[in-house]
């Protein structure tokens, strides 16, 4: 067997320890991801069931009273709209200039 100085052994042990920690870290992240996916699937099923129950409740309700509107009735006038609203402001500014 080859002889290694103590500094090399320390470096080898550090590299081996870092590798083992990296493997454990990856495994922990994967396990955490699987747990999150499981929880998400459970939540999805709960939401789908709640939505289905809500749809059943809405379909089972009676429709409210509907008011019919006569389409041929004349509409009431709302008021006059100026074609060029800025024209009035221009006339006012011109009269102010003439007065000055």
Foldseek 3Di string as FASTA:
>chain_A
DDDDPPVVVVVVVVVVVVVVVVVVVVVVVVVVVVVVVVVVVVVVVVVVVVVVVVVVVVVPDDDDDDDDDDPPDDDDDDDDDDPDPVVVVVVVVVVVVVVD
